Amino acid sequence: LIKPICLPLARDIREMSFVDTLPFIAGWGSIYF
């Protein structure tokens, strides 16, 4: 389960297509629940 804490607010960023792009994920926390 992924719970984002921030999302882009600008309309042009929200409407971009990220097909064929490499995602970058950063975070911290527990791997066990």
Protein backbone atom coordinates (compact mmCIF):
# COMPACT_ATOMS: atom_id res chain seq x y z
CA LEU A 1 0.00 0.00 0.00
CA ILE A 2 1.44 3.34 -1.06
CA LYS A 3 0.20 6.51 0.62
CA PRO A 4 1.61 9.63 -1.08
CA ILE A 5 2.15 12.64 1.16
CA CYS A 6 2.41 15.16 -1.65
CA LEU A 7 1.11 15.33 -5.19
CA PRO A 8 1.81 17.91 -7.90
CA LEU A 9 -0.71 20.72 -7.79
CA ALA A 10 0.07 22.34 -11.14
CA ARG A 11 -2.43 21.31 -13.81
CA ASP A 12 0.23 20.91 -16.53
CA ILE A 13 2.18 18.44 -14.38
CA ARG A 14 -0.93 16.46 -13.41
CA GLU A 15 -1.93 16.08 -17.05
CA MET A 16 1.48 14.93 -18.29
CA SER A 17 1.81 11.42 -19.69
CA PHE A 18 4.56 9.44 -17.98
CA VAL A 19 4.43 6.52 -20.42
CA ASP A 20 7.93 5.18 -21.23
CA THR A 21 9.56 7.13 -18.39
CA LEU A 22 11.61 5.69 -15.55
CA PRO A 23 10.03 6.30 -12.14
CA PHE A 24 12.06 7.44 -9.15
CA ILE A 25 10.73 6.54 -5.73
CA ALA A 26 12.19 7.83 -2.48
CA GLY A 27 10.96 7.33 1.01
CA TRP A 28 11.49 5.96 4.45
CA GLY A 29 9.64 3.81 6.91
CA SER A 30 9.08 0.26 7.98
CA ILE A 31 9.02 -2.67 5.61
CA TYR A 32 7.07 -4.74 8.14
CA PHE A 33 3.60 -3.95 9.49
